[in-house]
Amino acid sequence: MFGFLSGLPSRVRHLLSGFRRCFTRPQFDNFCRAMLGLIVAGEKEHDIKSINELFLDRKNQSSLNRFFTESKWDIERVVAEGKALLLSEAETDGRVEYKLADDTVCKKYGPGAEMVCYNHSSTMGTVLSHDYVTSLYVCGDVCIPDGLKLYGSEKRCREKERKTGEKVEFKTKVQLVCEMIDEHVPRAAKTIWLWDSWYTCYETVTRCRAHDYDWIGEIKSNRVAFYEGKKYHLSELVDKLRSEGKFYDVFIGGEIYQACKVDVFTKKLGSVSIIVNVKADTNDIHILCTDMKATTREIVRHALVRHHIEDFHKGAKYLGLGEYRFRESEAALTHAHLVTLVYTLLDVLRRRLLRYNISKEGLYTLEQTVEWVRRKAMHLFIHMVRETTKPIGSLLRRIDTG
């Protein structure tokens, strides 16, 4: 992606104008550059150097760098503005809302950055990385990144404490999710938390019960439960239920699932329901755990909402989550928060494009919306070339084609 940006496309400028009150004038200019750069940058080009080189009128790179590393603006306020904007554009359901919790690993290649440690990824194995614990708010047709915390090992927390001289409290990923549960402000009558087997534990369940939230989590097959007075590993219980013909077909969203629900007792979680579901055309078994009073079909339908957070992680990495070279963890978090804000604002933009009848074949995907912004930015460049009174050679020399 060569450096061709000569300004903000009008609809992007209008989208960002609502954030002007959060910044000083120089900060707002850096904010607009960072946001447009994150949107149009190509693969592996979402760090400060690459973003700065996208613009024809490049500023001193240190100015944009300080915007991230010495931010004197309120990142929480800026992210909250983005959430409010999307909620004003979308339709929500006042009856039920979902909070999805999970973590995602962003690979790093050097141990020098704060909070970098070895984390496990289901796709990459154990890698040197930053690990972000995230939450996603889903209500009606809206999905909003609604929580982002950087996990660091106890060793890394102690190292940062010695370096900065400030108290750095070590928190496990489960503790970070518990904080998110406490911080959530419900907007609907019912709140359902969804997570994978890592977070199905006493601490998260107890916190949900304290707030009167429902919860559904996957649970590992080696966990022990008591069913009809007998002790089973859940894998053994699944085999028993299959042999007894307890599974039946459940239809959800045009798909067929074979499912079974039984009530069990576990030492840590108490009395809960175990729901086993298998998509009919696969052997992919999911064991769910909850204390919700609902039918098998309702619980499986709620649990399927969890795919949204996997889609969010994929989209956030497409927009540059983890693609930075900061040593300070606060700057890395600022970059990550701005990526989630870009994700939110692109959702706002694609809804507006549909409303203005620009996307005539339905709602654009994230990738299609990014391509639309790139085309509009390129049109601005072409118009500038046509209207310039300066020699074309001097203009071409400003373009970085490296």
Protein backbone atom coordinates (compact mmCIF):
# COMPACT_ATOMS: atom_id res chain seq x y z
CA MET A 1 0.00 0.00 0.00
CA PHE A 2 1.82 3.12 -1.20
CA GLY A 3 1.49 6.52 0.47
CA PHE A 4 -1.41 8.20 -1.33
CA LEU A 5 -3.66 9.58 1.44
CA SER A 6 -4.36 13.25 0.88
CA GLY A 7 -7.38 13.65 3.19
CA LEU A 8 -10.37 12.04 4.85
CA PRO A 9 -13.25 10.80 2.67
CA SER A 10 -16.30 12.90 3.51
CA ARG A 11 -18.32 10.14 5.19
CA VAL A 12 -15.32 9.09 7.28
CA ARG A 13 -14.70 12.72 8.24
CA HIS A 14 -18.33 13.07 9.32
CA LEU A 15 -18.03 9.83 11.30
CA LEU A 16 -14.96 11.07 13.19
CA SER A 17 -16.22 14.61 13.73
CA GLY A 18 -18.24 13.54 16.78
CA PHE A 19 -14.98 12.74 18.60
CA ARG A 20 -13.58 16.26 18.22
CA ARG A 21 -14.67 17.22 21.74
CA CYS A 22 -12.49 14.45 23.19
CA PHE A 23 -9.23 15.96 21.89
CA THR A 24 -7.22 19.10 21.46
CA ARG A 25 -6.80 20.22 17.85
CA PRO A 26 -3.37 18.55 17.34
CA GLN A 27 -4.60 15.39 19.11
CA PHE A 28 -7.68 15.27 16.88
CA ASP A 29 -5.50 15.50 13.77
CA ASN A 30 -3.40 12.57 15.01
CA PHE A 31 -6.57 10.68 15.93
CA CYS A 32 -7.98 11.08 12.40
CA ARG A 33 -4.68 10.00 10.84
CA ALA A 34 -4.45 6.96 13.09
CA MET A 35 -8.04 5.88 12.43
CA LEU A 36 -7.85 6.32 8.65
CA GLY A 37 -4.45 4.64 8.60
CA LEU A 38 -5.71 1.62 10.53
CA ILE A 39 -8.61 1.26 8.09
CA VAL A 40 -6.76 1.50 4.78
CA ALA A 41 -3.40 -0.02 5.73
CA GLY A 42 -2.50 -3.27 4.04
CA GLU A 43 -1.48 -6.48 5.77
CA LYS A 44 1.29 -6.00 8.36
CA GLU A 45 1.18 -2.21 7.86
CA HIS A 46 -0.71 -1.08 10.97
CA ASP A 47 2.20 0.22 13.03
CA ILE A 48 3.00 3.93 13.44
CA LYS A 49 5.74 4.07 10.80
CA SER A 50 3.57 2.44 8.15
CA ILE A 51 0.52 4.56 9.04
CA ASN A 52 2.54 7.77 8.81
CA GLU A 53 3.97 6.79 5.43
CA LEU A 54 0.48 6.38 3.97
CA PHE A 55 0.01 10.18 3.95
CA LEU A 56 1.36 12.54 1.30
CA ASP A 57 1.80 15.35 3.83
CA ARG A 58 3.67 13.37 6.45
CA LYS A 59 4.07 14.83 9.90
CA ASN A 60 7.05 14.25 12.13
CA GLN A 61 6.59 10.60 13.10
CA SER A 62 7.37 11.40 16.73
CA SER A 63 4.13 13.41 16.95
CA LEU A 64 2.00 10.39 16.07
CA ASN A 65 4.18 8.21 18.29
CA ARG A 66 3.56 10.50 21.29
CA PHE A 67 -0.17 10.32 20.57
CA PHE A 68 0.06 6.63 21.52
CA THR A 69 2.88 6.56 24.07
CA GLU A 70 2.13 9.77 25.99
CA SER A 71 -1.60 10.01 25.43
CA LYS A 72 -3.07 12.88 27.46
CA TRP A 73 -6.58 12.06 26.30
CA ASP A 74 -9.13 9.69 27.83
CA ILE A 75 -9.19 6.39 25.91
CA GLU A 76 -12.21 5.14 27.88
CA ARG A 77 -14.21 8.23 26.96
CA VAL A 78 -13.31 7.87 23.28
CA VAL A 79 -14.27 4.18 23.20
CA ALA A 80 -17.54 4.95 25.05
CA GLU A 81 -18.38 7.56 22.38
CA GLY A 82 -17.96 4.87 19.72
CA LYS A 83 -20.23 2.43 21.57
CA ALA A 84 -22.93 5.10 21.99
CA LEU A 85 -22.72 5.96 18.29
CA LEU A 86 -23.23 2.35 17.19
CA LEU A 87 -26.09 1.84 19.66
CA SER A 88 -27.81 4.91 18.20
CA GLU A 89 -27.54 3.43 14.69
CA ALA A 90 -28.58 -0.17 15.44
CA GLU A 91 -31.64 -2.00 16.65
CA THR A 92 -31.36 -3.60 20.09
CA ASP A 93 -33.56 -6.07 21.95
CA GLY A 94 -34.73 -4.91 25.36
CA ARG A 95 -35.47 -8.48 26.44
CA VAL A 96 -32.10 -10.21 26.26
CA GLU A 97 -28.47 -9.20 25.83
CA TYR A 98 -25.30 -11.27 25.68
CA LYS A 99 -21.81 -10.64 27.01
CA LEU A 100 -19.15 -12.83 25.39
CA ALA A 101 -15.80 -13.27 27.10
CA ASP A 102 -12.63 -14.76 25.63
CA ASP A 103 -8.97 -13.96 25.12
CA THR A 104 -6.89 -13.66 21.97
CA VAL A 105 -3.14 -14.01 21.46
CA CYS A 106 -1.12 -11.48 19.42
CA LYS A 107 2.26 -12.92 18.51
CA LYS A 108 5.36 -10.85 19.30
CA TYR A 109 8.91 -11.53 18.15
CA GLY A 110 11.00 -10.06 20.95
CA PRO A 111 10.86 -10.30 24.76
CA GLY A 112 11.66 -6.60 25.30
CA ALA A 113 8.08 -5.27 25.37
CA GLU A 114 6.25 -5.00 28.69
CA MET A 115 3.82 -7.84 29.51
CA VAL A 116 5.07 -10.04 26.68
CA CYS A 117 5.12 -13.65 27.83
CA TYR A 118 4.46 -17.17 26.57
CA ASN A 119 0.73 -17.76 26.08
CA HIS A 120 -1.18 -20.67 24.61
CA SER A 121 -3.07 -20.28 21.35
CA SER A 122 -5.35 -22.96 19.92
CA THR A 123 -3.95 -22.24 16.43
CA MET A 124 -0.29 -21.35 17.12
CA GLY A 125 0.48 -23.40 20.23
CA THR A 126 2.52 -21.73 22.97
CA VAL A 127 4.01 -18.50 21.59
CA LEU A 128 5.68 -15.33 22.83
CA SER A 129 2.83 -12.86 22.71
CA HIS A 130 0.53 -10.30 24.22
CA ASP A 131 -2.71 -11.86 25.44
CA TYR A 132 -5.81 -9.64 25.43
CA VAL A 133 -8.85 -10.64 27.47
CA THR A 134 -11.84 -9.23 25.60
CA SER A 135 -15.59 -9.01 25.93
CA LEU A 136 -18.21 -8.40 23.26
CA TYR A 137 -21.69 -6.97 23.79
CA VAL A 138 -24.38 -8.54 21.59
CA CYS A 139 -27.97 -7.33 21.58
CA GLY A 140 -30.36 -7.57 18.67
CA ASP A 141 -28.31 -7.04 15.52
CA VAL A 142 -25.49 -5.14 17.21
CA CYS A 143 -22.08 -6.48 18.28
CA ILE A 144 -19.85 -4.03 20.16
CA PRO A 145 -16.36 -4.59 21.60
CA ASP A 146 -17.08 -3.83 25.25
CA GLY A 147 -13.97 -4.67 27.23
CA LEU A 148 -10.24 -5.07 26.63
CA LYS A 149 -7.62 -5.93 29.24
CA LEU A 150 -3.99 -6.92 28.72
CA TYR A 151 -2.93 -10.03 30.63
CA GLY A 152 0.60 -10.31 31.94
CA SER A 153 2.24 -13.15 33.82
CA GLU A 154 3.20 -12.66 37.46
CA LYS A 155 6.87 -12.45 36.44
CA ARG A 156 6.14 -9.70 33.90
CA CYS A 157 4.09 -7.75 36.43
CA ARG A 158 7.02 -7.83 38.89
CA GLU A 159 9.41 -6.69 36.13
CA LYS A 160 7.18 -3.75 35.25
CA GLU A 161 6.84 -2.88 38.93
CA ARG A 162 10.63 -2.71 39.32
CA LYS A 163 10.97 -0.67 36.13
CA THR A 164 8.27 1.92 36.84
CA GLY A 165 8.38 1.96 40.64
CA GLU A 166 4.58 1.70 40.70
CA LYS A 167 2.46 -1.10 42.12
CA VAL A 168 1.42 -3.54 39.36
CA GLU A 169 -1.11 -6.08 40.58
CA PHE A 170 -0.97 -9.50 38.94
CA LYS A 171 -4.39 -10.76 37.82
CA THR A 172 -5.25 -14.05 36.19
CA LYS A 173 -7.39 -14.11 33.05
CA VAL A 174 -10.28 -15.40 35.16
CA GLN A 175 -9.90 -12.42 37.50
CA LEU A 176 -9.93 -10.06 34.52
CA VAL A 177 -13.20 -11.57 33.28
CA CYS A 178 -14.65 -11.25 36.80
CA GLU A 179 -13.80 -7.54 36.66
CA MET A 180 -15.67 -7.30 33.35
CA ILE A 181 -18.70 -8.95 34.93
CA ASP A 182 -18.63 -6.39 37.76
CA GLU A 183 -18.18 -3.48 35.32
CA HIS A 184 -21.08 -4.41 33.04
CA VAL A 185 -24.10 -2.09 33.07
CA PRO A 186 -27.18 -4.02 31.82
CA ARG A 187 -29.30 -2.48 29.07
CA ALA A 188 -31.80 -5.34 28.72
CA ALA A 189 -34.02 -7.29 31.11
CA LYS A 190 -31.89 -10.46 30.87
CA THR A 191 -28.10 -10.70 30.62
CA ILE A 192 -26.46 -13.96 29.52
CA TRP A 193 -22.69 -14.42 29.77
CA LEU A 194 -21.06 -16.85 27.32
CA TRP A 195 -17.50 -18.21 27.50
CA ASP A 196 -15.38 -21.24 26.68
CA SER A 197 -14.21 -23.96 29.05
CA TRP A 198 -11.28 -21.89 30.40
CA TYR A 199 -13.70 -19.55 32.18
CA THR A 200 -16.25 -22.09 33.40
CA CYS A 201 -15.15 -22.02 37.02
CA TYR A 202 -16.32 -21.15 40.50
CA GLU A 203 -15.13 -17.51 40.40
CA THR A 204 -16.95 -16.44 37.22
CA VAL A 205 -20.11 -18.39 38.03
CA THR A 206 -20.27 -16.94 41.55
CA ARG A 207 -19.83 -13.41 40.18
CA CYS A 208 -22.67 -13.93 37.66
CA ARG A 209 -24.93 -15.29 40.37
CA ALA A 210 -24.16 -12.27 42.56
CA HIS A 211 -25.33 -9.94 39.76
CA ASP A 212 -28.30 -12.16 38.84
CA TYR A 213 -26.87 -12.81 35.35
CA ASP A 214 -27.43 -16.05 33.48
CA TRP A 215 -24.38 -17.85 32.12
CA ILE A 216 -23.53 -20.65 29.69
CA GLY A 217 -20.03 -22.04 29.38
CA GLU A 218 -18.41 -24.94 27.66
CA ILE A 219 -16.94 -27.46 30.09
CA LYS A 220 -14.08 -29.89 29.64
CA SER A 221 -14.92 -33.56 29.17
CA ASN A 222 -12.57 -34.63 31.99
CA ARG A 223 -14.55 -32.75 34.66
CA VAL A 224 -16.32 -34.86 37.28
CA ALA A 225 -20.07 -34.69 37.94
CA PHE A 226 -22.62 -36.70 39.93
CA TYR A 227 -25.59 -37.97 37.93
CA GLU A 228 -28.36 -40.03 39.52
CA GLY A 229 -26.15 -40.58 42.58
CA LYS A 230 -23.15 -41.88 40.63
CA LYS A 231 -19.82 -40.22 39.85
CA TYR A 232 -18.83 -39.77 36.20
CA HIS A 233 -16.24 -38.00 34.12
CA LEU A 234 -18.30 -36.03 31.62
CA SER A 235 -16.88 -38.04 28.70
CA GLU A 236 -18.20 -41.20 30.41
CA LEU A 237 -21.55 -39.53 30.99
CA VAL A 238 -21.85 -38.59 27.32
CA ASP A 239 -21.20 -42.20 26.31
CA LYS A 240 -23.81 -43.40 28.79
CA LEU A 241 -26.44 -40.97 27.50
CA ARG A 242 -25.74 -42.01 23.92
CA SER A 243 -26.02 -45.69 24.75
CA GLU A 244 -29.36 -45.02 26.41
CA GLY A 245 -30.68 -43.15 23.36
CA LYS A 246 -31.16 -39.85 25.23
CA PHE A 247 -30.16 -37.62 22.28
CA TYR A 248 -32.79 -36.09 20.01
CA ASP A 249 -32.87 -33.68 17.05
CA VAL A 250 -32.99 -29.94 17.70
CA PHE A 251 -33.55 -27.50 14.81
CA ILE A 252 -31.88 -24.07 15.10
CA GLY A 253 -31.36 -21.61 12.26
CA GLY A 254 -31.96 -24.23 9.59
CA GLU A 255 -29.35 -26.57 11.10
CA ILE A 256 -29.95 -29.89 12.86
CA TYR A 257 -28.26 -30.60 16.19
CA GLN A 258 -28.44 -33.79 18.23
CA ALA A 259 -28.70 -32.73 21.85
CA CYS A 260 -29.36 -33.96 25.35
CA LYS A 261 -29.81 -32.16 28.68
CA VAL A 262 -29.40 -33.66 32.17
CA ASP A 263 -29.17 -32.21 35.66
CA VAL A 264 -25.98 -33.00 37.60
CA PHE A 265 -24.08 -31.88 40.68
CA THR A 266 -20.47 -30.68 40.69
CA LYS A 267 -18.39 -29.85 43.76
CA LYS A 268 -17.34 -26.41 42.52
CA LEU A 269 -20.47 -25.20 40.69
CA GLY A 270 -23.21 -26.98 42.64
CA SER A 271 -26.39 -28.08 40.88
CA VAL A 272 -26.17 -27.34 37.14
CA SER A 273 -27.43 -28.63 33.82
CA ILE A 274 -25.15 -30.34 31.32
CA ILE A 275 -26.19 -29.95 27.68
CA VAL A 276 -24.42 -32.02 25.04
CA ASN A 277 -24.90 -30.91 21.45
CA VAL A 278 -23.52 -32.36 18.23
CA LYS A 279 -24.12 -30.85 14.80
CA ALA A 280 -25.78 -33.58 12.75
CA ASP A 281 -23.27 -33.59 9.89
CA THR A 282 -20.15 -33.58 12.10
CA ASN A 283 -18.70 -35.38 15.11
CA ASP A 284 -17.90 -32.08 16.83
CA ILE A 285 -19.19 -32.55 20.39
CA HIS A 286 -19.77 -29.54 22.64
CA ILE A 287 -20.53 -29.98 26.33
CA LEU A 288 -22.26 -26.95 27.83
CA CYS A 289 -22.84 -26.12 31.47
CA THR A 290 -25.40 -23.69 32.91
CA ASP A 291 -27.87 -23.17 35.71
CA MET A 292 -30.43 -21.45 33.44
CA LYS A 293 -33.99 -22.69 33.64
CA ALA A 294 -34.61 -23.15 29.93
CA THR A 295 -35.24 -25.85 27.34
CA THR A 296 -32.42 -27.69 25.56
CA ARG A 297 -33.17 -25.84 22.32
CA GLU A 298 -33.12 -22.42 24.02
CA ILE A 299 -29.79 -23.10 25.72
CA VAL A 300 -28.12 -24.35 22.53
CA ARG A 301 -29.53 -21.35 20.63
CA HIS A 302 -28.10 -18.95 23.22
CA ALA A 303 -24.74 -20.74 23.22
CA LEU A 304 -24.40 -20.43 19.43
CA VAL A 305 -24.21 -16.64 19.82
CA ARG A 306 -20.63 -17.11 21.08
CA HIS A 307 -19.33 -17.34 17.50
CA HIS A 308 -19.56 -13.53 17.33
CA ILE A 309 -16.49 -13.08 19.52
CA GLU A 310 -14.44 -15.33 17.23
CA ASP A 311 -15.60 -13.20 14.28
CA PHE A 312 -14.58 -10.08 16.23
CA HIS A 313 -11.08 -11.40 16.94
CA LYS A 314 -10.65 -12.24 13.25
CA GLY A 315 -11.84 -8.79 12.20
CA ALA A 316 -9.72 -6.98 14.81
CA LYS A 317 -6.58 -8.76 13.61
CA TYR A 318 -7.48 -7.87 10.02
CA LEU A 319 -7.46 -4.23 11.20
CA GLY A 320 -4.10 -4.55 12.95
CA LEU A 321 -4.65 -5.84 16.48
CA GLY A 322 -1.18 -6.67 17.75
CA GLU A 323 0.69 -5.00 14.88
CA TYR A 324 2.74 -2.47 16.84
CA ARG A 325 6.31 -2.06 18.07
CA PHE A 326 5.78 -0.32 21.41
CA ARG A 327 7.78 -1.33 24.44
CA GLU A 328 5.32 0.19 26.93
CA SER A 329 2.22 -1.88 27.63
CA GLU A 330 0.04 1.26 28.00
CA ALA A 331 0.84 2.26 24.40
CA ALA A 332 0.07 -1.28 23.20
CA LEU A 333 -3.29 -1.07 24.98
CA THR A 334 -4.01 2.32 23.41
CA HIS A 335 -3.31 0.85 19.97
CA ALA A 336 -5.53 -2.16 20.72
CA HIS A 337 -8.39 0.08 21.95
CA LEU A 338 -8.20 2.19 18.79
CA VAL A 339 -8.36 -0.97 16.67
CA THR A 340 -11.56 -2.01 18.47
CA LEU A 341 -12.91 1.52 17.93
CA VAL A 342 -12.16 1.23 14.20
CA TYR A 343 -14.07 -2.08 14.22
CA THR A 344 -17.04 -0.33 15.85
CA LEU A 345 -16.99 2.68 13.52
CA LEU A 346 -16.77 0.52 10.40
CA ASP A 347 -19.96 -1.18 11.61
CA VAL A 348 -21.59 2.26 11.93
CA LEU A 349 -20.37 3.19 8.44
CA ARG A 350 -21.64 0.06 6.73
CA ARG A 351 -25.09 0.61 8.27
CA ARG A 352 -25.10 4.17 6.96
CA LEU A 353 -24.02 3.03 3.50
CA LEU A 354 -27.01 0.70 3.43
CA ARG A 355 -29.34 3.43 4.69
CA TYR A 356 -28.07 5.87 2.02
CA ASN A 357 -28.60 3.16 -0.64
CA ILE A 358 -24.88 3.09 -1.45
CA SER A 359 -24.52 -0.63 -0.70
CA LYS A 360 -27.40 -1.69 -2.92
CA GLU A 361 -27.04 -5.45 -2.45
CA GLY A 362 -27.34 -5.45 1.34
CA LEU A 363 -25.10 -4.79 4.32
CA TYR A 364 -21.40 -4.74 3.46
CA THR A 365 -19.02 -7.08 5.23
CA LEU A 366 -16.14 -5.61 7.22
CA GLU A 367 -13.74 -6.25 4.33
CA GLN A 368 -16.11 -4.67 1.78
CA THR A 369 -16.46 -1.57 3.96
CA VAL A 370 -12.67 -1.26 4.21
CA GLU A 371 -12.40 -1.54 0.41
CA TRP A 372 -15.06 1.18 0.02
CA VAL A 373 -13.02 3.54 2.22
CA ARG A 374 -9.86 2.72 0.25
CA ARG A 375 -11.60 3.55 -3.04
CA LYS A 376 -12.87 6.86 -1.69
CA ALA A 377 -9.41 7.75 -0.39
CA MET A 378 -7.95 6.93 -3.79
CA HIS A 379 -10.56 9.15 -5.48
CA LEU A 380 -9.43 12.05 -3.29
CA PHE A 381 -5.86 11.45 -4.44
CA ILE A 382 -6.89 11.37 -8.10
CA HIS A 383 -8.84 14.63 -7.74
CA MET A 384 -5.83 16.25 -6.11
CA VAL A 385 -3.60 15.16 -9.00
CA ARG A 386 -6.09 16.55 -11.53
CA GLU A 387 -6.45 19.89 -9.79
CA THR A 388 -2.84 20.51 -8.80
CA THR A 389 -1.08 23.54 -10.26
CA LYS A 390 2.33 22.19 -9.31
CA PRO A 391 4.50 20.06 -11.63
CA ILE A 392 3.37 16.43 -11.56
CA GLY A 393 6.98 15.33 -10.98
CA SER A 394 7.11 17.11 -7.65
CA LEU A 395 3.87 15.42 -6.60
CA LEU A 396 5.05 11.96 -7.61
CA ARG A 397 8.23 12.39 -5.60
CA ARG A 398 6.09 12.76 -2.48
CA ILE A 399 4.54 9.32 -2.97
CA ASP A 400 6.22 6.50 -1.11
CA THR A 401 6.14 3.46 -3.38
CA GLY A 402 8.62 1.45 -1.31
